[in-house]
Amino acid sequence: MVKLGILGAGIITECHFYGIDRIDGATVAAIASVDEAAGKAAADKYGAALYTDYRELLDKEKSLDGIIVALPNFMHREAVEYAIKAGHKNILCEKPLGINPAESAGLVKLAKESGANL
């Protein structure tokens, strides 16, 4: 079983939920959303743990096989960096990775140094 954590519960996450739901052996295990209603609806639908702070999810859910970052664009760099530093090794980030080339390059460098896959 591949267990995934989703950071965000907005419109774009519906595409991820839809795809994951159709993959045998994959499950949404944890969701972080500041929109408690959207997060609760998704968590209830998929039987996932719910967090209102993505940092708490990343700190507590160490057995996840992957993280999907589907937060607002300006939050991507911070969330991906936090995920890497929290020890998560497989991270899919919606585009853009950073809001400028320097942010993106910094994350790629950090991922390489830590052995994380972006």
PDB file of N, CA and C in Angstrom:
ATOM      1  N   MET A   1       0.832  -1.179   0.000  1.00  0.00           N
ATOM      2  CA  MET A   1       0.000   0.000   0.000  1.00  0.00           C
ATOM      3  C   MET A   1       0.879   1.246   0.000  1.00  0.00           C
ATOM      4  N   VAL A   2       0.630   2.150  -0.918  1.00  0.00           N
ATOM      5  CA  VAL A   2       1.322   3.434  -0.995  1.00  0.00           C
ATOM      6  C   VAL A   2       0.452   4.463  -0.288  1.00  0.00           C
ATOM      7  N   LYS A   3       1.007   5.039   0.776  1.00  0.00           N
ATOM      8  CA  LYS A   3       0.265   6.014   1.571  1.00  0.00           C
ATOM      9  C   LYS A   3       0.782   7.419   1.264  1.00  0.00           C
ATOM     10  N   LEU A   4      -0.161   8.301   0.912  1.00  0.00           N
ATOM     11  CA  LEU A   4       0.207   9.649   0.512  1.00  0.00           C
ATOM     12  C   LEU A   4      -0.373  10.694   1.448  1.00  0.00           C
ATOM     13  N   GLY A   5       0.364  11.773   1.593  1.00  0.00           N
ATOM     14  CA  GLY A   5      -0.106  12.938   2.329  1.00  0.00           C
ATOM     15  C   GLY A   5      -0.311  14.070   1.344  1.00  0.00           C
ATOM     16  N   ILE A   6      -1.424  14.780   1.489  1.00  0.00           N
ATOM     17  CA  ILE A   6      -1.763  15.881   0.593  1.00  0.00           C
ATOM     18  C   ILE A   6      -1.766  17.169   1.399  1.00  0.00           C
ATOM     19  N   LEU A   7      -0.988  18.142   0.944  1.00  0.00           N
ATOM     20  CA  LEU A   7      -0.985  19.451   1.579  1.00  0.00           C
ATOM     21  C   LEU A   7      -1.894  20.346   0.759  1.00  0.00           C
ATOM     22  N   GLY A   8      -3.074  20.606   1.293  1.00  0.00           N
ATOM     23  CA  GLY A   8      -4.080  21.402   0.612  1.00  0.00           C
ATOM     24  C   GLY A   8      -5.334  20.588   0.369  1.00  0.00           C
ATOM     25  N   ALA A   9      -6.449  21.288   0.251  1.00  0.00           N
ATOM     26  CA  ALA A   9      -7.726  20.630  -0.056  1.00  0.00           C
ATOM     27  C   ALA A   9      -8.568  21.529  -0.951  1.00  0.00           C
ATOM     28  N   GLY A  10      -7.887  22.272  -1.799  1.00  0.00           N
ATOM     29  CA  GLY A  10      -8.580  23.172  -2.717  1.00  0.00           C
ATOM     30  C   GLY A  10      -8.934  22.478  -4.020  1.00  0.00           C
ATOM     31  N   ILE A  11      -9.247  23.273  -5.006  1.00  0.00           N
ATOM     32  CA  ILE A  11      -9.725  22.759  -6.294  1.00  0.00           C
ATOM     33  C   ILE A  11      -8.723  21.809  -6.947  1.00  0.00           C
ATOM     34  N   ILE A  12      -7.446  22.166  -6.961  1.00  0.00           N
ATOM     35  CA  ILE A  12      -6.458  21.331  -7.651  1.00  0.00           C
ATOM     36  C   ILE A  12      -6.312  19.962  -6.999  1.00  0.00           C
ATOM     37  N   THR A  13      -6.558  19.887  -5.703  1.00  0.00           N
ATOM     38  CA  THR A  13      -6.410  18.583  -5.041  1.00  0.00           C
ATOM     39  C   THR A  13      -7.459  17.587  -5.515  1.00  0.00           C
ATOM     40  N   GLU A  14      -8.572  18.077  -6.014  1.00  0.00           N
ATOM     41  CA  GLU A  14      -9.591  17.158  -6.541  1.00  0.00           C
ATOM     42  C   GLU A  14      -9.006  16.276  -7.641  1.00  0.00           C
ATOM     43  N   CYS A  15      -8.133  16.846  -8.464  1.00  0.00           N
ATOM     44  CA  CYS A  15      -7.484  16.058  -9.521  1.00  0.00           C
ATOM     45  C   CYS A  15      -6.608  14.971  -8.915  1.00  0.00           C
ATOM     46  N   HIS A  16      -5.885  15.309  -7.863  1.00  0.00           N
ATOM     47  CA  HIS A  16      -5.026  14.328  -7.204  1.00  0.00           C
ATOM     48  C   HIS A  16      -5.863  13.248  -6.519  1.00  0.00           C
ATOM     49  N   PHE A  17      -6.890  13.655  -5.791  1.00  0.00           N
ATOM     50  CA  PHE A  17      -7.764  12.684  -5.123  1.00  0.00           C
ATOM     51  C   PHE A  17      -8.371  11.730  -6.147  1.00  0.00           C
ATOM     52  N   TYR A  18      -8.834  12.282  -7.256  1.00  0.00           N
ATOM     53  CA  TYR A  18      -9.449  11.477  -8.312  1.00  0.00           C
ATOM     54  C   TYR A  18      -8.462  10.430  -8.833  1.00  0.00           C
ATOM     55  N   GLY A  19      -7.244  10.860  -9.117  1.00  0.00           N
ATOM     56  CA  GLY A  19      -6.243   9.941  -9.645  1.00  0.00           C
ATOM     57  C   GLY A  19      -5.818   8.886  -8.636  1.00  0.00           C
ATOM     58  N   ILE A  20      -5.564   9.315  -7.415  1.00  0.00           N
ATOM     59  CA  ILE A  20      -5.131   8.378  -6.378  1.00  0.00           C
ATOM     60  C   ILE A  20      -6.209   7.346  -6.108  1.00  0.00           C
ATOM     61  N   ASP A  21      -7.456   7.784  -6.123  1.00  0.00           N
ATOM     62  CA  ASP A  21      -8.590   6.891  -5.857  1.00  0.00           C
ATOM     63  C   ASP A  21      -8.688   5.770  -6.892  1.00  0.00           C
ATOM     64  N   ARG A  22      -8.097   5.960  -8.046  1.00  0.00           N
ATOM     65  CA  ARG A  22      -8.186   4.972  -9.123  1.00  0.00           C
ATOM     66  C   ARG A  22      -6.938   4.110  -9.263  1.00  0.00           C
ATOM     67  N   ILE A  23      -5.995   4.257  -8.376  1.00  0.00           N
ATOM     68  CA  ILE A  23      -4.765   3.464  -8.407  1.00  0.00           C
ATOM     69  C   ILE A  23      -4.858   2.383  -7.339  1.00  0.00           C
ATOM     70  N   ASP A  24      -4.891   1.134  -7.776  1.00  0.00           N
ATOM     71  CA  ASP A  24      -4.898   0.036  -6.815  1.00  0.00           C
ATOM     72  C   ASP A  24      -3.646   0.117  -5.950  1.00  0.00           C
ATOM     73  N   GLY A  25      -3.830   0.019  -4.657  1.00  0.00           N
ATOM     74  CA  GLY A  25      -2.697   0.027  -3.744  1.00  0.00           C
ATOM     75  C   GLY A  25      -2.255   1.405  -3.307  1.00  0.00           C
ATOM     76  N   ALA A  26      -2.975   2.453  -3.704  1.00  0.00           N
ATOM     77  CA  ALA A  26      -2.625   3.808  -3.272  1.00  0.00           C
ATOM     78  C   ALA A  26      -3.763   4.374  -2.437  1.00  0.00           C
ATOM     79  N   THR A  27      -3.401   5.142  -1.424  1.00  0.00           N
ATOM     80  CA  THR A  27      -4.413   5.733  -0.566  1.00  0.00           C
ATOM     81  C   THR A  27      -3.976   7.102  -0.078  1.00  0.00           C
ATOM     82  N   VAL A  28      -4.954   7.966   0.130  1.00  0.00           N
ATOM     83  CA  VAL A  28      -4.708   9.249   0.772  1.00  0.00           C
ATOM     84  C   VAL A  28      -4.786   8.984   2.273  1.00  0.00           C
ATOM     85  N   ALA A  29      -3.659   9.070   2.952  1.00  0.00           N
ATOM     86  CA  ALA A  29      -3.595   8.740   4.374  1.00  0.00           C
ATOM     87  C   ALA A  29      -3.712   9.962   5.272  1.00  0.00           C
ATOM     88  N   ALA A  30      -3.316  11.136   4.765  1.00  0.00           N
ATOM     89  CA  ALA A  30      -3.342  12.344   5.585  1.00  0.00           C
ATOM     90  C   ALA A  30      -3.536  13.561   4.696  1.00  0.00           C
ATOM     91  N   ILE A  31      -4.293  14.522   5.217  1.00  0.00           N
ATOM     92  CA  ILE A  31      -4.579  15.767   4.498  1.00  0.00           C
ATOM     93  C   ILE A  31      -4.352  16.927   5.452  1.00  0.00           C
ATOM     94  N   ALA A  32      -3.719  17.989   4.951  1.00  0.00           N
ATOM     95  CA  ALA A  32      -3.576  19.216   5.723  1.00  0.00           C
ATOM     96  C   ALA A  32      -4.285  20.330   4.969  1.00  0.00           C
ATOM     97  N   SER A  33      -5.160  21.030   5.672  1.00  0.00           N
ATOM     98  CA  SER A  33      -5.890  22.126   5.041  1.00  0.00           C
ATOM     99  C   SER A  33      -6.282  23.158   6.086  1.00  0.00           C
ATOM    100  N   VAL A  34      -6.054  24.435   5.772  1.00  0.00           N
ATOM    101  CA  VAL A  34      -6.520  25.491   6.661  1.00  0.00           C
ATOM    102  C   VAL A  34      -8.025  25.702   6.499  1.00  0.00           C
ATOM    103  N   ASP A  35      -8.574  25.260   5.374  1.00  0.00           N
ATOM    104  CA  ASP A  35     -10.026  25.295   5.164  1.00  0.00           C
ATOM    105  C   ASP A  35     -10.591  24.028   5.812  1.00  0.00           C
ATOM    106  N   GLU A  36     -11.028  24.168   7.050  1.00  0.00           N
ATOM    107  CA  GLU A  36     -11.441  22.990   7.814  1.00  0.00           C
ATOM    108  C   GLU A  36     -12.602  22.242   7.170  1.00  0.00           C
ATOM    109  N   ALA A  37     -13.543  22.949   6.553  1.00  0.00           N
ATOM    110  CA  ALA A  37     -14.688  22.275   5.926  1.00  0.00           C
ATOM    111  C   ALA A  37     -14.231  21.430   4.742  1.00  0.00           C
ATOM    112  N   ALA A  38     -13.406  21.997   3.881  1.00  0.00           N
ATOM    113  CA  ALA A  38     -12.912  21.247   2.721  1.00  0.00           C
ATOM    114  C   ALA A  38     -12.015  20.103   3.165  1.00  0.00           C
ATOM    115  N   GLY A  39     -11.163  20.361   4.135  1.00  0.00           N
ATOM    116  CA  GLY A  39     -10.283  19.318   4.644  1.00  0.00           C
ATOM    117  C   GLY A  39     -11.057  18.176   5.275  1.00  0.00           C
ATOM    118  N   LYS A  40     -12.071  18.510   6.069  1.00  0.00           N
ATOM    119  CA  LYS A  40     -12.881  17.475   6.713  1.00  0.00           C
ATOM    120  C   LYS A  40     -13.655  16.664   5.692  1.00  0.00           C
ATOM    121  N   ALA A  41     -14.198  17.323   4.685  1.00  0.00           N
ATOM    122  CA  ALA A  41     -14.941  16.598   3.644  1.00  0.00           C
ATOM    123  C   ALA A  41     -14.030  15.599   2.936  1.00  0.00           C
ATOM    124  N   ALA A  42     -12.818  16.031   2.584  1.00  0.00           N
ATOM    125  CA  ALA A  42     -11.875  15.134   1.902  1.00  0.00           C
ATOM    126  C   ALA A  42     -11.401  14.031   2.840  1.00  0.00           C
ATOM    127  N   ALA A  43     -11.084  14.385   4.084  1.00  0.00           N
ATOM    128  CA  ALA A  43     -10.608  13.386   5.043  1.00  0.00           C
ATOM    129  C   ALA A  43     -11.678  12.330   5.304  1.00  0.00           C
ATOM    130  N   ASP A  44     -12.927  12.767   5.434  1.00  0.00           N
ATOM    131  CA  ASP A  44     -14.028  11.821   5.649  1.00  0.00           C
ATOM    132  C   ASP A  44     -14.208  10.911   4.435  1.00  0.00           C
ATOM    133  N   LYS A  45     -14.131  11.492   3.251  1.00  0.00           N
ATOM    134  CA  LYS A  45     -14.328  10.715   2.017  1.00  0.00           C
ATOM    135  C   LYS A  45     -13.256   9.645   1.847  1.00  0.00           C
ATOM    136  N   TYR A  46     -12.006   9.979   2.190  1.00  0.00           N
ATOM    137  CA  TYR A  46     -10.899   9.055   1.940  1.00  0.00           C
ATOM    138  C   TYR A  46     -10.406   8.338   3.195  1.00  0.00           C
ATOM    139  N   GLY A  47     -11.021   8.600   4.312  1.00  0.00           N
ATOM    140  CA  GLY A  47     -10.591   7.948   5.549  1.00  0.00           C
ATOM    141  C   GLY A  47      -9.209   8.385   5.989  1.00  0.00           C
ATOM    142  N   ALA A  48      -8.882   9.640   5.728  1.00  0.00           N
ATOM    143  CA  ALA A  48      -7.548  10.173   6.016  1.00  0.00           C
ATOM    144  C   ALA A  48      -7.522  10.950   7.321  1.00  0.00           C
ATOM    145  N   ALA A  49      -6.352  11.006   7.917  1.00  0.00           N
ATOM    146  CA  ALA A  49      -6.143  11.873   9.079  1.00  0.00           C
ATOM    147  C   ALA A  49      -6.175  13.318   8.591  1.00  0.00           C
ATOM    148  N   LEU A  50      -6.698  14.205   9.420  1.00  0.00           N
ATOM    149  CA  LEU A  50      -6.821  15.610   9.043  1.00  0.00           C
ATOM    150  C   LEU A  50      -5.988  16.490   9.961  1.00  0.00           C
ATOM    151  N   TYR A  51      -5.264  17.408   9.345  1.00  0.00           N
ATOM    152  CA  TYR A  51      -4.473  18.397  10.067  1.00  0.00           C
ATOM    153  C   TYR A  51      -4.832  19.777   9.527  1.00  0.00           C
ATOM    154  N   THR A  52      -4.786  20.795  10.398  1.00  0.00           N
ATOM    155  CA  THR A  52      -5.037  22.158   9.935  1.00  0.00           C
ATOM    156  C   THR A  52      -3.733  22.905   9.672  1.00  0.00           C
ATOM    157  N   ASP A  53      -2.608  22.263   9.939  1.00  0.00           N
ATOM    158  CA  ASP A  53      -1.289  22.851   9.694  1.00  0.00           C
ATOM    159  C   ASP A  53      -0.427  21.801   8.990  1.00  0.00           C
ATOM    160  N   TYR A  54       0.060  22.129   7.810  1.00  0.00           N
ATOM    161  CA  TYR A  54       0.841  21.140   7.053  1.00  0.00           C
ATOM    162  C   TYR A  54       2.110  20.730   7.795  1.00  0.00           C
ATOM    163  N   ARG A  55       2.655  21.618   8.601  1.00  0.00           N
ATOM    164  CA  ARG A  55       3.877  21.284   9.346  1.00  0.00           C
ATOM    165  C   ARG A  55       3.609  20.160  10.348  1.00  0.00           C
ATOM    166  N   GLU A  56       2.452  20.186  10.956  1.00  0.00           N
ATOM    167  CA  GLU A  56       2.101  19.126  11.896  1.00  0.00           C
ATOM    168  C   GLU A  56       1.982  17.786  11.167  1.00  0.00           C
ATOM    169  N   LEU A  57       1.349  17.794  10.006  1.00  0.00           N
ATOM    170  CA  LEU A  57       1.254  16.567   9.209  1.00  0.00           C
ATOM    171  C   LEU A  57       2.655  16.044   8.889  1.00  0.00           C
ATOM    172  N   LEU A  58       3.520  16.922   8.402  1.00  0.00           N
ATOM    173  CA  LEU A  58       4.873  16.503   8.009  1.00  0.00           C
ATOM    174  C   LEU A  58       5.697  16.014   9.191  1.00  0.00           C
ATOM    175  N   ASP A  59       5.464  16.569  10.364  1.00  0.00           N
ATOM    176  CA  ASP A  59       6.193  16.151  11.562  1.00  0.00           C
ATOM    177  C   ASP A  59       5.672  14.829  12.124  1.00  0.00           C
ATOM    178  N   LYS A  60       4.373  14.588  12.026  1.00  0.00           N
ATOM    179  CA  LYS A  60       3.774  13.416  12.668  1.00  0.00           C
ATOM    180  C   LYS A  60       3.629  12.206  11.752  1.00  0.00           C
ATOM    181  N   GLU A  61       3.440  12.416  10.476  1.00  0.00           N
ATOM    182  CA  GLU A  61       3.138  11.320   9.543  1.00  0.00           C
ATOM    183  C   GLU A  61       4.415  10.842   8.850  1.00  0.00           C
ATOM    184  N   LYS A  62       5.293  10.222   9.613  1.00  0.00           N
ATOM    185  CA  LYS A  62       6.604   9.806   9.087  1.00  0.00           C
ATOM    186  C   LYS A  62       6.543   8.549   8.225  1.00  0.00           C
ATOM    187  N   SER A  63       5.430   7.808   8.251  1.00  0.00           N
ATOM    188  CA  SER A  63       5.356   6.573   7.468  1.00  0.00           C
ATOM    189  C   SER A  63       4.775   6.780   6.070  1.00  0.00           C
ATOM    190  N   LEU A  64       4.519   8.024   5.689  1.00  0.00           N
ATOM    191  CA  LEU A  64       3.971   8.285   4.357  1.00  0.00           C
ATOM    192  C   LEU A  64       5.011   7.963   3.289  1.00  0.00           C
ATOM    193  N   ASP A  65       4.530   7.434   2.172  1.00  0.00           N
ATOM    194  CA  ASP A  65       5.417   7.120   1.052  1.00  0.00           C
ATOM    195  C   ASP A  65       5.662   8.321   0.151  1.00  0.00           C
ATOM    196  N   GLY A  66       4.784   9.306   0.223  1.00  0.00           N
ATOM    197  CA  GLY A  66       4.942  10.489  -0.610  1.00  0.00           C
ATOM    198  C   GLY A  66       4.082  11.634  -0.116  1.00  0.00           C
ATOM    199  N   ILE A  67       4.502  12.835  -0.499  1.00  0.00           N
ATOM    200  CA  ILE A  67       3.804  14.067  -0.155  1.00  0.00           C
ATOM    201  C   ILE A  67       3.462  14.785  -1.453  1.00  0.00           C
ATOM    202  N   ILE A  68       2.237  15.271  -1.540  1.00  0.00           N
ATOM    203  CA  ILE A  68       1.832  16.113  -2.666  1.00  0.00           C
ATOM    204  C   ILE A  68       1.583  17.511  -2.121  1.00  0.00           C
ATOM    205  N   VAL A  69       2.315  18.480  -2.663  1.00  0.00           N
ATOM    206  CA  VAL A  69       2.169  19.874  -2.245  1.00  0.00           C
ATOM    207  C   VAL A  69       1.250  20.566  -3.248  1.00  0.00           C
ATOM    208  N   ALA A  70       0.045  20.875  -2.790  1.00  0.00           N
ATOM    209  CA  ALA A  70      -0.952  21.531  -3.649  1.00  0.00           C
ATOM    210  C   ALA A  70      -1.505  22.756  -2.925  1.00  0.00           C
ATOM    211  N   LEU A  71      -0.592  23.522  -2.398  1.00  0.00           N
ATOM    212  CA  LEU A  71      -0.919  24.753  -1.678  1.00  0.00           C
ATOM    213  C   LEU A  71      -0.864  25.930  -2.647  1.00  0.00           C
ATOM    214  N   PRO A  72      -1.262  27.119  -2.214  1.00  0.00           N
ATOM    215  CA  PRO A  72      -1.082  28.294  -3.070  1.00  0.00           C
ATOM    216  C   PRO A  72       0.390  28.444  -3.473  1.00  0.00           C
ATOM    217  N   ASN A  73       0.621  28.942  -4.674  1.00  0.00           N
ATOM    218  CA  ASN A  73       1.972  29.015  -5.235  1.00  0.00           C
ATOM    219  C   ASN A  73       3.002  29.640  -4.299  1.00  0.00           C
ATOM    220  N   PHE A  74       2.636  30.710  -3.608  1.00  0.00           N
ATOM    221  CA  PHE A  74       3.605  31.405  -2.762  1.00  0.00           C
ATOM    222  C   PHE A  74       4.039  30.562  -1.562  1.00  0.00           C
ATOM    223  N   MET A  75       3.337  29.461  -1.284  1.00  0.00           N
ATOM    224  CA  MET A  75       3.679  28.591  -0.162  1.00  0.00           C
ATOM    225  C   MET A  75       4.503  27.370  -0.568  1.00  0.00           C
ATOM    226  N   HIS A  76       4.703  27.151  -1.858  1.00  0.00           N
ATOM    227  CA  HIS A  76       5.384  25.944  -2.328  1.00  0.00           C
ATOM    228  C   HIS A  76       6.785  25.800  -1.757  1.00  0.00           C
ATOM    229  N   ARG A  77       7.603  26.836  -1.884  1.00  0.00           N
ATOM    230  CA  ARG A  77       8.987  26.728  -1.439  1.00  0.00           C
ATOM    231  C   ARG A  77       9.067  26.353   0.031  1.00  0.00           C
ATOM    232  N   GLU A  78       8.334  27.069   0.851  1.00  0.00           N
ATOM    233  CA  GLU A  78       8.377  26.812   2.292  1.00  0.00           C
ATOM    234  C   GLU A  78       7.915  25.389   2.622  1.00  0.00           C
ATOM    235  N   ALA A  79       6.833  24.943   1.996  1.00  0.00           N
ATOM    236  CA  ALA A  79       6.289  23.608   2.293  1.00  0.00           C
ATOM    237  C   ALA A  79       7.223  22.505   1.817  1.00  0.00           C
ATOM    238  N   VAL A  80       7.784  22.654   0.626  1.00  0.00           N
ATOM    239  CA  VAL A  80       8.709  21.633   0.113  1.00  0.00           C
ATOM    240  C   VAL A  80       9.962  21.590   0.975  1.00  0.00           C
ATOM    241  N   GLU A  81      10.490  22.742   1.329  1.00  0.00           N
ATOM    242  CA  GLU A  81      11.673  22.781   2.194  1.00  0.00           C
ATOM    243  C   GLU A  81      11.376  22.112   3.538  1.00  0.00           C
ATOM    244  N   TYR A  82      10.226  22.405   4.106  1.00  0.00           N
ATOM    245  CA  TYR A  82       9.860  21.807   5.388  1.00  0.00           C
ATOM    246  C   TYR A  82       9.731  20.288   5.247  1.00  0.00           C
ATOM    247  N   ALA A  83       9.115  19.841   4.160  1.00  0.00           N
ATOM    248  CA  ALA A  83       8.951  18.396   3.930  1.00  0.00           C
ATOM    249  C   ALA A  83      10.305  17.704   3.836  1.00  0.00           C
ATOM    250  N   ILE A  84      11.232  18.306   3.107  1.00  0.00           N
ATOM    251  CA  ILE A  84      12.567  17.717   2.973  1.00  0.00           C
ATOM    252  C   ILE A  84      13.255  17.664   4.330  1.00  0.00           C
ATOM    253  N   LYS A  85      13.215  18.767   5.054  1.00  0.00           N
ATOM    254  CA  LYS A  85      13.882  18.827   6.354  1.00  0.00           C
ATOM    255  C   LYS A  85      13.220  17.923   7.384  1.00  0.00           C
ATOM    256  N   ALA A  86      11.940  17.615   7.187  1.00  0.00           N
ATOM    257  CA  ALA A  86      11.233  16.692   8.081  1.00  0.00           C
ATOM    258  C   ALA A  86      11.535  15.235   7.735  1.00  0.00           C
ATOM    259  N   GLY A  87      12.287  15.024   6.654  1.00  0.00           N
ATOM    260  CA  GLY A  87      12.728  13.674   6.308  1.00  0.00           C
ATOM    261  C   GLY A  87      11.916  12.965   5.244  1.00  0.00           C
ATOM    262  N   HIS A  88      10.980  13.641   4.632  1.00  0.00           N
ATOM    263  CA  HIS A  88      10.189  13.004   3.570  1.00  0.00           C
ATOM    264  C   HIS A  88      11.034  12.941   2.295  1.00  0.00           C
ATOM    265  N   LYS A  89      10.985  11.803   1.629  1.00  0.00           N
ATOM    266  CA  LYS A  89      11.885  11.564   0.503  1.00  0.00           C
ATOM    267  C   LYS A  89      11.233  11.656  -0.866  1.00  0.00           C
ATOM    268  N   ASN A  90       9.905  11.583  -0.940  1.00  0.00           N
ATOM    269  CA  ASN A  90       9.221  11.630  -2.238  1.00  0.00           C
ATOM    270  C   ASN A  90       8.183  12.739  -2.188  1.00  0.00           C
ATOM    271  N   ILE A  91       8.466  13.809  -2.939  1.00  0.00           N
ATOM    272  CA  ILE A  91       7.628  15.004  -2.884  1.00  0.00           C
ATOM    273  C   ILE A  91       7.256  15.425  -4.295  1.00  0.00           C
ATOM    274  N   LEU A  92       5.970  15.528  -4.527  1.00  0.00           N
ATOM    275  CA  LEU A  92       5.464  16.068  -5.783  1.00  0.00           C
ATOM    276  C   LEU A  92       4.911  17.447  -5.468  1.00  0.00           C
ATOM    277  N   CYS A  93       5.402  18.452  -6.156  1.00  0.00           N
ATOM    278  CA  CYS A  93       4.945  19.815  -5.931  1.00  0.00           C
ATOM    279  C   CYS A  93       4.272  20.330  -7.192  1.00  0.00           C
ATOM    280  N   GLU A  94       3.073  20.874  -7.011  1.00  0.00           N
ATOM    281  CA  GLU A  94       2.422  21.559  -8.124  1.00  0.00           C
ATOM    282  C   GLU A  94       3.344  22.658  -8.622  1.00  0.00           C
ATOM    283  N   LYS A  95       3.206  23.033  -9.871  1.00  0.00           N
ATOM    284  CA  LYS A  95       4.026  24.119 -10.382  1.00  0.00           C
ATOM    285  C   LYS A  95       3.469  25.455  -9.912  1.00  0.00           C
ATOM    286  N   PRO A  96       4.296  26.410  -9.706  1.00  0.00           N
ATOM    287  CA  PRO A  96       5.752  26.406  -9.795  1.00  0.00           C
ATOM    288  C   PRO A  96       6.378  25.877  -8.504  1.00  0.00           C
ATOM    289  N   LEU A  97       7.572  25.352  -8.622  1.00  0.00           N
ATOM    290  CA  LEU A  97       8.297  24.860  -7.451  1.00  0.00           C
ATOM    291  C   LEU A  97       8.609  26.019  -6.508  1.00  0.00           C
ATOM    292  N   GLY A  98       9.053  27.118  -7.063  1.00  0.00           N
ATOM    293  CA  GLY A  98       9.307  28.343  -6.302  1.00  0.00           C
ATOM    294  C   GLY A  98       8.768  29.515  -7.095  1.00  0.00           C
ATOM    295  N   ILE A  99       8.706  30.678  -6.481  1.00  0.00           N
ATOM    296  CA  ILE A  99       8.160  31.822  -7.213  1.00  0.00           C
ATOM    297  C   ILE A  99       9.197  32.528  -8.073  1.00  0.00           C
ATOM    298  N   ASN A 100      10.440  32.047  -8.001  1.00  0.00           N
ATOM    299  CA  ASN A 100      11.478  32.571  -8.890  1.00  0.00           C
ATOM    300  C   ASN A 100      12.538  31.481  -9.067  1.00  0.00           C
ATOM    301  N   PRO A 101      13.421  31.643 -10.047  1.00  0.00           N
ATOM    302  CA  PRO A 101      14.433  30.610 -10.307  1.00  0.00           C
ATOM    303  C   PRO A 101      15.341  30.310  -9.114  1.00  0.00           C
ATOM    304  N   ALA A 102      15.656  31.322  -8.331  1.00  0.00           N
ATOM    305  CA  ALA A 102      16.547  31.105  -7.189  1.00  0.00           C
ATOM    306  C   ALA A 102      15.890  30.195  -6.150  1.00  0.00           C
ATOM    307  N   GLU A 103      14.605  30.399  -5.881  1.00  0.00           N
ATOM    308  CA  GLU A 103      13.904  29.526  -4.942  1.00  0.00           C
ATOM    309  C   GLU A 103      13.886  28.091  -5.448  1.00  0.00           C
ATOM    310  N   SER A 104      13.568  27.932  -6.714  1.00  0.00           N
ATOM    311  CA  SER A 104      13.511  26.587  -7.296  1.00  0.00           C
ATOM    312  C   SER A 104      14.871  25.915  -7.247  1.00  0.00           C
ATOM    313  N   ALA A 105      15.906  26.634  -7.625  1.00  0.00           N
ATOM    314  CA  ALA A 105      17.261  26.073  -7.609  1.00  0.00           C
ATOM    315  C   ALA A 105      17.673  25.681  -6.192  1.00  0.00           C
ATOM    316  N   GLY A 106      17.316  26.503  -5.219  1.00  0.00           N
ATOM    317  CA  GLY A 106      17.633  26.178  -3.836  1.00  0.00           C
ATOM    318  C   GLY A 106      16.964  24.891  -3.376  1.00  0.00           C
ATOM    319  N   LEU A 107      15.718  24.672  -3.785  1.00  0.00           N
ATOM    320  CA  LEU A 107      15.019  23.444  -3.415  1.00  0.00           C
ATOM    321  C   LEU A 107      15.617  22.228  -4.099  1.00  0.00           C
ATOM    322  N   VAL A 108      15.993  22.382  -5.355  1.00  0.00           N
ATOM    323  CA  VAL A 108      16.620  21.270  -6.078  1.00  0.00           C
ATOM    324  C   VAL A 108      17.938  20.900  -5.394  1.00  0.00           C
ATOM    325  N   LYS A 109      18.716  21.896  -5.008  1.00  0.00           N
ATOM    326  CA  LYS A 109      19.983  21.645  -4.315  1.00  0.00           C
ATOM    327  C   LYS A 109      19.741  20.941  -2.980  1.00  0.00           C
ATOM    328  N   LEU A 110      18.780  21.422  -2.203  1.00  0.00           N
ATOM    329  CA  LEU A 110      18.450  20.820  -0.915  1.00  0.00           C
ATOM    330  C   LEU A 110      17.993  19.378  -1.092  1.00  0.00           C
ATOM    331  N   ALA A 111      17.179  19.129  -2.105  1.00  0.00           N
ATOM    332  CA  ALA A 111      16.692  17.765  -2.366  1.00  0.00           C
ATOM    333  C   ALA A 111      17.864  16.849  -2.700  1.00  0.00           C
ATOM    334  N   LYS A 112      18.755  17.288  -3.553  1.00  0.00           N
ATOM    335  CA  LYS A 112      19.922  16.473  -3.913  1.00  0.00           C
ATOM    336  C   LYS A 112      20.778  16.157  -2.700  1.00  0.00           C
ATOM    337  N   GLU A 113      21.012  17.171  -1.874  1.00  0.00           N
ATOM    338  CA  GLU A 113      21.849  16.984  -0.680  1.00  0.00           C
ATOM    339  C   GLU A 113      21.223  16.022   0.326  1.00  0.00           C
ATOM    340  N   SER A 114      19.905  15.994   0.381  1.00  0.00           N
ATOM    341  CA  SER A 114      19.218  15.161   1.385  1.00  0.00           C
ATOM    342  C   SER A 114      18.775  13.808   0.838  1.00  0.00           C
ATOM    343  N   GLY A 115      18.873  13.622  -0.481  1.00  0.00           N
ATOM    344  CA  GLY A 115      18.422  12.375  -1.080  1.00  0.00           C
ATOM    345  C   GLY A 115      16.932  12.322  -1.344  1.00  0.00           C
ATOM    346  N   ALA A 116      16.279  13.486  -1.290  1.00  0.00           N
ATOM    347  CA  ALA A 116      14.840  13.540  -1.572  1.00  0.00           C
ATOM    348  C   ALA A 116      14.608  13.582  -3.073  1.00  0.00           C
ATOM    349  N   ASN A 117      13.458  13.079  -3.492  1.00  0.00           N
ATOM    350  CA  ASN A 117      13.055  13.107  -4.889  1.00  0.00           C
ATOM    351  C   ASN A 117      11.959  14.155  -5.072  1.00  0.00           C
ATOM    352  N   LEU A 118      12.213  15.099  -5.977  1.00  0.00           N
ATOM    353  CA  LEU A 118      11.208  16.107  -6.288  1.00  0.00           C
ATOM    354  C   LEU A 118      10.580  15.792  -7.617  1.00  0.00           C
TER     355      LEU A 118
END
